[in-house]
Amino acid sequence: MNASTDLGHDLWSVLEQRLKKQDERILDMMGRLEVIQSRYSERPSPLVPQAVPQLARAGEESAPVAVTHVTPVRQTSQATLDETEMSVIKLLGTKPRTSVEIKELIETSREHAARLMKGLFDAGIVARNASKKPFVYELTEMGRRYLSAS
């Protein structure tokens, strides 16, 4: 009986070590994915409207037209920020936080928190410190104005 108990403890110990290693790998992959997502989100989207070259009339030659991406700028006012965005601003008003912390505090999915933070970043309300994994977000001067106005 004692030998089987020792064997059970040994098996449990080995499995526990393997699970810890897998958890570390998962956390590392999540960090890498967040970096890739931020790099991808900073690229111009093929879905963003582009300048359309004018069509040549029949018989006319058309000059080459440079096609540029038009980056939409989100116009924000306190009236356009939703309740979740305002709660994130209040959380960041106390201290800089990672998207993982924000996800847990507002009780939402990782994807929703990432989209939310990207939107606030694009609007200039939060700044992103990309030197750490996961990113650390803090309020910009504009974000502090939203916080003081609330």
N, C-alpha and C. Protein backbone atom coordinates (compact mmCIF):
# COMPACT_ATOMS: atom_id res chain seq x y z
N MET A 1 0.83 -1.19 0.00
CA MET A 1 0.00 0.00 0.00
C MET A 1 0.88 1.26 0.00
N ASN A 2 1.95 1.25 0.77
CA ASN A 2 2.83 2.40 0.87
C ASN A 2 3.53 2.67 -0.46
N ALA A 3 3.94 1.63 -1.18
CA ALA A 3 4.59 1.79 -2.47
C ALA A 3 3.65 2.43 -3.49
N SER A 4 2.38 2.04 -3.48
CA SER A 4 1.43 2.62 -4.41
C SER A 4 1.15 4.09 -4.06
N THR A 5 1.15 4.42 -2.78
CA THR A 5 0.97 5.81 -2.35
C THR A 5 2.14 6.66 -2.82
N ASP A 6 3.37 6.14 -2.65
CA ASP A 6 4.55 6.86 -3.12
C ASP A 6 4.52 7.04 -4.63
N LEU A 7 4.10 6.00 -5.35
CA LEU A 7 4.00 6.09 -6.79
C LEU A 7 2.97 7.15 -7.20
N GLY A 8 1.86 7.17 -6.49
CA GLY A 8 0.82 8.18 -6.76
C GLY A 8 1.33 9.59 -6.54
N HIS A 9 2.09 9.79 -5.45
CA HIS A 9 2.65 11.11 -5.17
C HIS A 9 3.67 11.51 -6.24
N ASP A 10 4.49 10.54 -6.67
CA ASP A 10 5.48 10.82 -7.71
C ASP A 10 4.80 11.20 -9.02
N LEU A 11 3.76 10.46 -9.39
CA LEU A 11 3.02 10.78 -10.61
C LEU A 11 2.39 12.17 -10.53
N TRP A 12 1.80 12.45 -9.39
CA TRP A 12 1.16 13.75 -9.18
C TRP A 12 2.20 14.88 -9.31
N SER A 13 3.37 14.68 -8.73
CA SER A 13 4.43 15.67 -8.78
C SER A 13 4.88 15.92 -10.23
N VAL A 14 5.07 14.86 -10.99
CA VAL A 14 5.49 14.99 -12.38
C VAL A 14 4.42 15.71 -13.20
N LEU A 15 3.17 15.35 -13.00
CA LEU A 15 2.08 15.99 -13.74
C LEU A 15 1.96 17.47 -13.37
N GLU A 16 2.14 17.77 -12.10
CA GLU A 16 2.06 19.16 -11.65
C GLU A 16 3.18 20.00 -12.28
N GLN A 17 4.38 19.45 -12.39
CA GLN A 17 5.49 20.15 -13.03
C GLN A 17 5.19 20.39 -14.51
N ARG A 18 4.63 19.40 -15.17
CA ARG A 18 4.30 19.55 -16.59
C ARG A 18 3.22 20.63 -16.79
N LEU A 19 2.23 20.64 -15.91
CA LEU A 19 1.18 21.65 -16.02
C LEU A 19 1.73 23.05 -15.81
N LYS A 20 2.64 23.21 -14.86
CA LYS A 20 3.24 24.52 -14.63
C LYS A 20 4.01 24.98 -15.86
N LYS A 21 4.73 24.05 -16.48
CA LYS A 21 5.50 24.39 -17.69
C LYS A 21 4.55 24.79 -18.82
N GLN A 22 3.44 24.08 -18.96
CA GLN A 22 2.46 24.43 -19.99
C GLN A 22 1.84 25.79 -19.71
N ASP A 23 1.57 26.08 -18.43
CA ASP A 23 1.03 27.40 -18.08
C ASP A 23 2.01 28.50 -18.47
N GLU A 24 3.31 28.29 -18.22
CA GLU A 24 4.32 29.27 -18.60
C GLU A 24 4.34 29.47 -20.11
N ARG A 25 4.24 28.39 -20.84
CA ARG A 25 4.22 28.49 -22.30
C ARG A 25 3.00 29.25 -22.80
N ILE A 26 1.86 28.97 -22.20
CA ILE A 26 0.63 29.65 -22.59
C ILE A 26 0.75 31.15 -22.33
N LEU A 27 1.26 31.53 -21.15
CA LEU A 27 1.42 32.95 -20.84
C LEU A 27 2.39 33.62 -21.82
N ASP A 28 3.46 32.92 -22.17
CA ASP A 28 4.42 33.46 -23.12
C ASP A 28 3.75 33.66 -24.49
N MET A 29 2.98 32.68 -24.92
CA MET A 29 2.30 32.79 -26.22
C MET A 29 1.26 33.91 -26.21
N MET A 30 0.58 34.10 -25.08
CA MET A 30 -0.40 35.18 -24.99
C MET A 30 0.30 36.53 -25.13
N GLY A 31 1.45 36.66 -24.49
CA GLY A 31 2.22 37.90 -24.61
C GLY A 31 2.67 38.14 -26.04
N ARG A 32 3.15 37.09 -26.69
CA ARG A 32 3.59 37.21 -28.08
C ARG A 32 2.42 37.57 -28.99
N LEU A 33 1.26 36.95 -28.76
CA LEU A 33 0.09 37.24 -29.57
C LEU A 33 -0.32 38.69 -29.42
N GLU A 34 -0.25 39.21 -28.20
CA GLU A 34 -0.62 40.61 -27.97
C GLU A 34 0.32 41.55 -28.73
N VAL A 35 1.61 41.21 -28.75
CA VAL A 35 2.58 42.02 -29.50
C VAL A 35 2.25 41.98 -30.98
N ILE A 36 1.97 40.79 -31.51
CA ILE A 36 1.65 40.64 -32.92
C ILE A 36 0.37 41.40 -33.26
N GLN A 37 -0.64 41.30 -32.39
CA GLN A 37 -1.89 42.00 -32.64
C GLN A 37 -1.67 43.51 -32.68
N SER A 38 -0.83 44.02 -31.78
CA SER A 38 -0.61 45.47 -31.78
C SER A 38 0.14 45.90 -33.03
N ARG A 39 1.11 45.09 -33.46
CA ARG A 39 1.84 45.42 -34.68
C ARG A 39 0.92 45.37 -35.89
N TYR A 40 0.05 44.38 -35.92
CA TYR A 40 -0.89 44.24 -37.04
C TYR A 40 -1.89 45.39 -37.05
N SER A 41 -2.34 45.80 -35.87
CA SER A 41 -3.34 46.86 -35.80
C SER A 41 -2.77 48.21 -36.19
N GLU A 42 -1.44 48.37 -36.14
CA GLU A 42 -0.82 49.63 -36.50
C GLU A 42 -0.62 49.75 -38.01
N ARG A 43 -0.74 48.64 -38.74
CA ARG A 43 -0.61 48.66 -40.19
C ARG A 43 -1.88 49.21 -40.82
N PRO A 44 -1.75 49.84 -41.97
CA PRO A 44 -2.96 50.29 -42.65
C PRO A 44 -3.82 49.09 -43.03
N SER A 45 -5.08 49.21 -42.81
CA SER A 45 -5.99 48.12 -43.10
C SER A 45 -6.38 48.15 -44.57
N PRO A 46 -6.47 46.97 -45.20
CA PRO A 46 -6.95 46.96 -46.58
C PRO A 46 -8.41 47.37 -46.67
N LEU A 47 -9.10 47.40 -45.55
CA LEU A 47 -10.52 47.77 -45.55
C LEU A 47 -10.71 49.27 -45.38
N VAL A 48 -9.62 49.99 -45.06
CA VAL A 48 -9.72 51.43 -44.89
C VAL A 48 -9.91 52.06 -46.26
N PRO A 49 -10.81 53.02 -46.38
CA PRO A 49 -11.04 53.64 -47.68
C PRO A 49 -9.75 54.23 -48.23
N GLN A 50 -9.54 54.10 -49.52
CA GLN A 50 -8.37 54.65 -50.17
C GLN A 50 -8.81 55.73 -51.14
N ALA A 51 -7.85 56.62 -51.45
CA ALA A 51 -8.14 57.64 -52.45
C ALA A 51 -8.38 56.93 -53.78
N VAL A 52 -9.42 57.30 -54.45
CA VAL A 52 -9.79 56.64 -55.71
C VAL A 52 -9.30 57.49 -56.86
N PRO A 53 -8.53 56.91 -57.78
CA PRO A 53 -8.06 57.69 -58.93
C PRO A 53 -9.24 58.07 -59.82
N GLN A 54 -9.13 59.24 -60.41
CA GLN A 54 -10.20 59.67 -61.31
C GLN A 54 -10.12 58.85 -62.59
N LEU A 55 -11.26 58.49 -63.09
CA LEU A 55 -11.30 57.72 -64.33
C LEU A 55 -11.09 58.65 -65.51
N ALA A 56 -10.33 58.17 -66.48
CA ALA A 56 -10.09 58.97 -67.68
C ALA A 56 -11.33 58.93 -68.56
N ARG A 57 -11.59 60.03 -69.22
CA ARG A 57 -12.70 60.06 -70.16
C ARG A 57 -12.28 59.33 -71.43
N ALA A 58 -13.22 58.95 -72.19
CA ALA A 58 -12.93 58.21 -73.44
C ALA A 58 -11.99 59.03 -74.31
N GLY A 59 -10.91 58.41 -74.75
CA GLY A 59 -9.96 59.07 -75.63
C GLY A 59 -8.87 59.84 -74.90
N GLU A 60 -8.97 60.02 -73.57
CA GLU A 60 -7.95 60.75 -72.80
C GLU A 60 -7.02 59.75 -72.13
N GLU A 61 -5.78 60.14 -72.00
CA GLU A 61 -4.85 59.32 -71.24
C GLU A 61 -4.92 59.79 -69.80
N SER A 62 -4.86 58.85 -68.91
CA SER A 62 -4.92 59.24 -67.50
C SER A 62 -3.51 59.28 -66.93
N ALA A 63 -3.25 60.29 -66.14
CA ALA A 63 -1.96 60.41 -65.46
C ALA A 63 -1.99 59.47 -64.26
N PRO A 64 -0.83 58.92 -63.90
CA PRO A 64 -0.81 58.05 -62.72
C PRO A 64 -1.19 58.85 -61.47
N VAL A 65 -2.00 58.24 -60.66
CA VAL A 65 -2.47 58.88 -59.44
C VAL A 65 -1.93 58.11 -58.25
N ALA A 66 -1.36 58.83 -57.31
CA ALA A 66 -0.85 58.18 -56.10
C ALA A 66 -2.03 57.78 -55.23
N VAL A 67 -2.03 56.54 -54.82
CA VAL A 67 -3.10 56.05 -53.95
C VAL A 67 -2.57 56.04 -52.53
N THR A 68 -3.27 56.72 -51.66
CA THR A 68 -2.83 56.78 -50.27
C THR A 68 -3.93 56.24 -49.37
N HIS A 69 -3.51 55.72 -48.24
CA HIS A 69 -4.49 55.24 -47.26
C HIS A 69 -5.01 56.42 -46.46
N VAL A 70 -6.29 56.41 -46.22
CA VAL A 70 -6.90 57.42 -45.39
C VAL A 70 -7.12 56.80 -44.02
N THR A 71 -6.47 57.36 -43.03
CA THR A 71 -6.61 56.82 -41.68
C THR A 71 -7.71 57.57 -40.97
N PRO A 72 -8.76 56.88 -40.59
CA PRO A 72 -9.84 57.57 -39.89
C PRO A 72 -9.39 57.96 -38.49
N VAL A 73 -9.74 59.15 -38.09
CA VAL A 73 -9.43 59.61 -36.73
C VAL A 73 -10.73 59.60 -35.96
N ARG A 74 -10.72 58.91 -34.87
CA ARG A 74 -11.93 58.81 -34.05
C ARG A 74 -12.11 60.11 -33.29
N GLN A 75 -13.20 60.76 -33.54
CA GLN A 75 -13.52 61.97 -32.81
C GLN A 75 -14.25 61.55 -31.54
N THR A 76 -13.69 61.91 -30.41
CA THR A 76 -14.30 61.49 -29.16
C THR A 76 -14.70 62.70 -28.33
N SER A 77 -15.76 62.55 -27.68
CA SER A 77 -16.17 63.50 -26.66
C SER A 77 -16.70 62.66 -25.52
N GLN A 78 -16.85 63.26 -24.38
CA GLN A 78 -17.30 62.48 -23.24
C GLN A 78 -18.64 61.82 -23.52
N ALA A 79 -19.45 62.46 -24.35
CA ALA A 79 -20.76 61.90 -24.67
C ALA A 79 -20.63 60.62 -25.50
N THR A 80 -19.53 60.49 -26.27
CA THR A 80 -19.40 59.31 -27.11
C THR A 80 -18.70 58.16 -26.41
N LEU A 81 -18.09 58.39 -25.26
CA LEU A 81 -17.46 57.30 -24.53
C LEU A 81 -18.54 56.50 -23.81
N ASP A 82 -18.47 55.19 -23.94
CA ASP A 82 -19.46 54.38 -23.26
C ASP A 82 -19.06 54.13 -21.81
N GLU A 83 -19.93 53.46 -21.10
CA GLU A 83 -19.74 53.22 -19.66
C GLU A 83 -18.47 52.41 -19.39
N THR A 84 -18.19 51.43 -20.23
CA THR A 84 -17.00 50.60 -20.04
C THR A 84 -15.73 51.41 -20.26
N GLU A 85 -15.72 52.23 -21.31
CA GLU A 85 -14.55 53.08 -21.56
C GLU A 85 -14.31 54.04 -20.40
N MET A 86 -15.36 54.60 -19.86
CA MET A 86 -15.20 55.51 -18.72
C MET A 86 -14.69 54.77 -17.49
N SER A 87 -15.14 53.52 -17.28
CA SER A 87 -14.65 52.77 -16.14
C SER A 87 -13.16 52.44 -16.30
N VAL A 88 -12.72 52.17 -17.54
CA VAL A 88 -11.30 51.92 -17.79
C VAL A 88 -10.49 53.18 -17.52
N ILE A 89 -11.01 54.33 -17.95
CA ILE A 89 -10.31 55.60 -17.69
C ILE A 89 -10.17 55.82 -16.19
N LYS A 90 -11.21 55.52 -15.44
CA LYS A 90 -11.14 55.68 -13.98
C LYS A 90 -10.12 54.72 -13.37
N LEU A 91 -10.06 53.48 -13.89
CA LEU A 91 -9.06 52.53 -13.39
C LEU A 91 -7.64 53.01 -13.68
N LEU A 92 -7.44 53.53 -14.89
CA LEU A 92 -6.11 54.02 -15.26
C LEU A 92 -5.76 55.32 -14.55
N GLY A 93 -6.77 55.99 -14.02
CA GLY A 93 -6.51 57.22 -13.27
C GLY A 93 -5.78 56.95 -11.97
N THR A 94 -5.91 55.73 -11.44
CA THR A 94 -5.23 55.40 -10.19
C THR A 94 -3.80 54.97 -10.41
N LYS A 95 -3.56 54.21 -11.49
CA LYS A 95 -2.20 53.78 -11.83
C LYS A 95 -2.20 53.14 -13.21
N PRO A 96 -1.02 53.09 -13.87
CA PRO A 96 -0.94 52.38 -15.15
C PRO A 96 -1.24 50.90 -14.95
N ARG A 97 -1.86 50.29 -15.95
CA ARG A 97 -2.26 48.88 -15.84
C ARG A 97 -2.04 48.16 -17.16
N THR A 98 -1.92 46.84 -17.06
CA THR A 98 -1.82 46.00 -18.26
C THR A 98 -3.23 45.67 -18.74
N SER A 99 -3.32 45.19 -19.97
CA SER A 99 -4.63 44.80 -20.50
C SER A 99 -5.18 43.60 -19.74
N VAL A 100 -4.29 42.77 -19.21
CA VAL A 100 -4.73 41.61 -18.42
C VAL A 100 -5.40 42.09 -17.14
N GLU A 101 -4.79 43.09 -16.47
CA GLU A 101 -5.40 43.64 -15.25
C GLU A 101 -6.75 44.28 -15.57
N ILE A 102 -6.80 45.01 -16.66
CA ILE A 102 -8.05 45.68 -17.05
C ILE A 102 -9.12 44.64 -17.35
N LYS A 103 -8.73 43.59 -18.07
CA LYS A 103 -9.67 42.51 -18.40
C LYS A 103 -10.29 41.94 -17.13
N GLU A 104 -9.45 41.69 -16.13
CA GLU A 104 -9.94 41.10 -14.89
C GLU A 104 -10.81 42.08 -14.10
N LEU A 105 -10.41 43.35 -14.08
CA LEU A 105 -11.15 44.34 -13.29
C LEU A 105 -12.52 44.68 -13.88
N ILE A 106 -12.62 44.69 -15.22
CA ILE A 106 -13.92 44.99 -15.81
C ILE A 106 -14.68 43.72 -16.17
N GLU A 107 -14.08 42.57 -15.87
CA GLU A 107 -14.72 41.27 -16.06
C GLU A 107 -15.23 41.08 -17.49
N THR A 108 -14.27 41.07 -18.42
CA THR A 108 -14.61 40.89 -19.82
C THR A 108 -13.62 39.92 -20.45
N SER A 109 -13.82 39.61 -21.69
CA SER A 109 -12.90 38.69 -22.37
C SER A 109 -11.61 39.43 -22.74
N ARG A 110 -10.57 38.66 -23.01
CA ARG A 110 -9.29 39.23 -23.40
C ARG A 110 -9.43 40.00 -24.71
N GLU A 111 -10.20 39.43 -25.64
CA GLU A 111 -10.38 40.06 -26.93
C GLU A 111 -11.09 41.40 -26.80
N HIS A 112 -12.13 41.44 -25.98
CA HIS A 112 -12.87 42.68 -25.79
C HIS A 112 -11.98 43.73 -25.14
N ALA A 113 -11.21 43.33 -24.14
CA ALA A 113 -10.31 44.27 -23.47
C ALA A 113 -9.27 44.80 -24.45
N ALA A 114 -8.74 43.93 -25.30
CA ALA A 114 -7.73 44.36 -26.29
C ALA A 114 -8.33 45.36 -27.28
N ARG A 115 -9.55 45.09 -27.76
CA ARG A 115 -10.21 46.01 -28.69
C ARG A 115 -10.51 47.34 -28.02
N LEU A 116 -10.94 47.27 -26.78
CA LEU A 116 -11.26 48.47 -26.02
C LEU A 116 -10.02 49.34 -25.84
N MET A 117 -8.90 48.71 -25.47
CA MET A 117 -7.67 49.46 -25.25
C MET A 117 -7.13 50.01 -26.56
N LYS A 118 -7.27 49.26 -27.64
CA LYS A 118 -6.82 49.75 -28.95
C LYS A 118 -7.63 50.98 -29.34
N GLY A 119 -8.94 50.94 -29.10
CA GLY A 119 -9.78 52.09 -29.42
C GLY A 119 -9.40 53.32 -28.63
N LEU A 120 -9.14 53.13 -27.33
CA LEU A 120 -8.73 54.26 -26.49
C LEU A 120 -7.35 54.76 -26.90
N PHE A 121 -6.48 53.85 -27.30
CA PHE A 121 -5.15 54.23 -27.77
C PHE A 121 -5.25 55.02 -29.07
N ASP A 122 -6.05 54.53 -30.02
CA ASP A 122 -6.23 55.21 -31.30
C ASP A 122 -6.85 56.59 -31.12
N ALA A 123 -7.69 56.74 -30.11
CA ALA A 123 -8.34 58.03 -29.85
C ALA A 123 -7.41 58.98 -29.11
N GLY A 124 -6.26 58.50 -28.66
CA GLY A 124 -5.31 59.37 -27.95
C GLY A 124 -5.62 59.54 -26.48
N ILE A 125 -6.49 58.69 -25.94
CA ILE A 125 -6.89 58.81 -24.53
C ILE A 125 -5.91 58.07 -23.63
N VAL A 126 -5.33 56.99 -24.13
CA VAL A 126 -4.32 56.25 -23.37
C VAL A 126 -3.05 56.13 -24.19
N ALA A 127 -1.93 55.98 -23.47
CA ALA A 127 -0.64 55.72 -24.10
C ALA A 127 -0.26 54.29 -23.79
N ARG A 128 0.49 53.69 -24.69
CA ARG A 128 0.86 52.27 -24.55
C ARG A 128 2.38 52.17 -24.42
N ASN A 129 2.83 51.48 -23.36
CA ASN A 129 4.25 51.20 -23.20
C ASN A 129 4.48 49.80 -23.77
N ALA A 130 5.02 49.74 -24.98
CA ALA A 130 5.19 48.47 -25.67
C ALA A 130 6.50 47.79 -25.32
N SER A 131 7.29 48.37 -24.40
CA SER A 131 8.57 47.75 -24.05
C SER A 131 8.38 46.59 -23.08
N LYS A 132 7.20 46.46 -22.52
CA LYS A 132 6.91 45.37 -21.58
C LYS A 132 5.85 44.48 -22.17
N LYS A 133 5.84 43.20 -21.75
CA LYS A 133 4.79 42.27 -22.16
C LYS A 133 4.04 41.86 -20.92
N PRO A 134 2.75 41.90 -20.88
CA PRO A 134 1.86 42.57 -21.81
C PRO A 134 2.01 44.09 -21.71
N PHE A 135 1.47 44.81 -22.69
CA PHE A 135 1.60 46.26 -22.73
C PHE A 135 1.04 46.89 -21.46
N VAL A 136 1.65 48.00 -21.08
CA VAL A 136 1.17 48.76 -19.93
C VAL A 136 0.54 50.04 -20.49
N TYR A 137 -0.69 50.31 -20.07
CA TYR A 137 -1.42 51.47 -20.54
C TYR A 137 -1.51 52.50 -19.43
N GLU A 138 -1.44 53.78 -19.82
CA GLU A 138 -1.63 54.86 -18.88
C GLU A 138 -2.36 55.99 -19.58
N LEU A 139 -2.96 56.87 -18.79
CA LEU A 139 -3.73 57.96 -19.36
C LEU A 139 -2.81 59.01 -19.98
N THR A 140 -3.26 59.57 -21.08
CA THR A 140 -2.59 60.73 -21.67
C THR A 140 -3.20 61.97 -21.05
N GLU A 141 -2.74 63.12 -21.49
CA GLU A 141 -3.33 64.38 -20.99
C GLU A 141 -4.81 64.44 -21.35
N MET A 142 -5.16 63.99 -22.55
CA MET A 142 -6.56 63.96 -22.95
C MET A 142 -7.36 63.03 -22.04
N GLY A 143 -6.77 61.89 -21.71
CA GLY A 143 -7.44 60.95 -20.82
C GLY A 143 -7.66 61.54 -19.43
N ARG A 144 -6.69 62.33 -18.96
CA ARG A 144 -6.85 62.98 -17.64
C ARG A 144 -7.98 64.00 -17.68
N ARG A 145 -8.15 64.67 -18.85
CA ARG A 145 -9.24 65.62 -18.97
C ARG A 145 -10.59 64.91 -18.91
N TYR A 146 -10.69 63.73 -19.55
CA TYR A 146 -11.93 62.96 -19.45
C TYR A 146 -12.20 62.55 -18.01
N LEU A 147 -11.13 62.18 -17.32
CA LEU A 147 -11.27 61.73 -15.93
C LEU A 147 -11.73 62.89 -15.05
N SER A 148 -11.16 64.06 -15.24
CA SER A 148 -11.55 65.20 -14.39
C SER A 148 -12.95 65.70 -14.73
N ALA A 149 -13.38 65.48 -15.98
CA ALA A 149 -14.72 65.92 -16.38
C ALA A 149 -15.82 64.97 -15.90
N SER A 150 -15.43 63.76 -15.51
CA SER A 150 -16.47 62.78 -15.11
C SER A 150 -16.90 62.97 -13.68
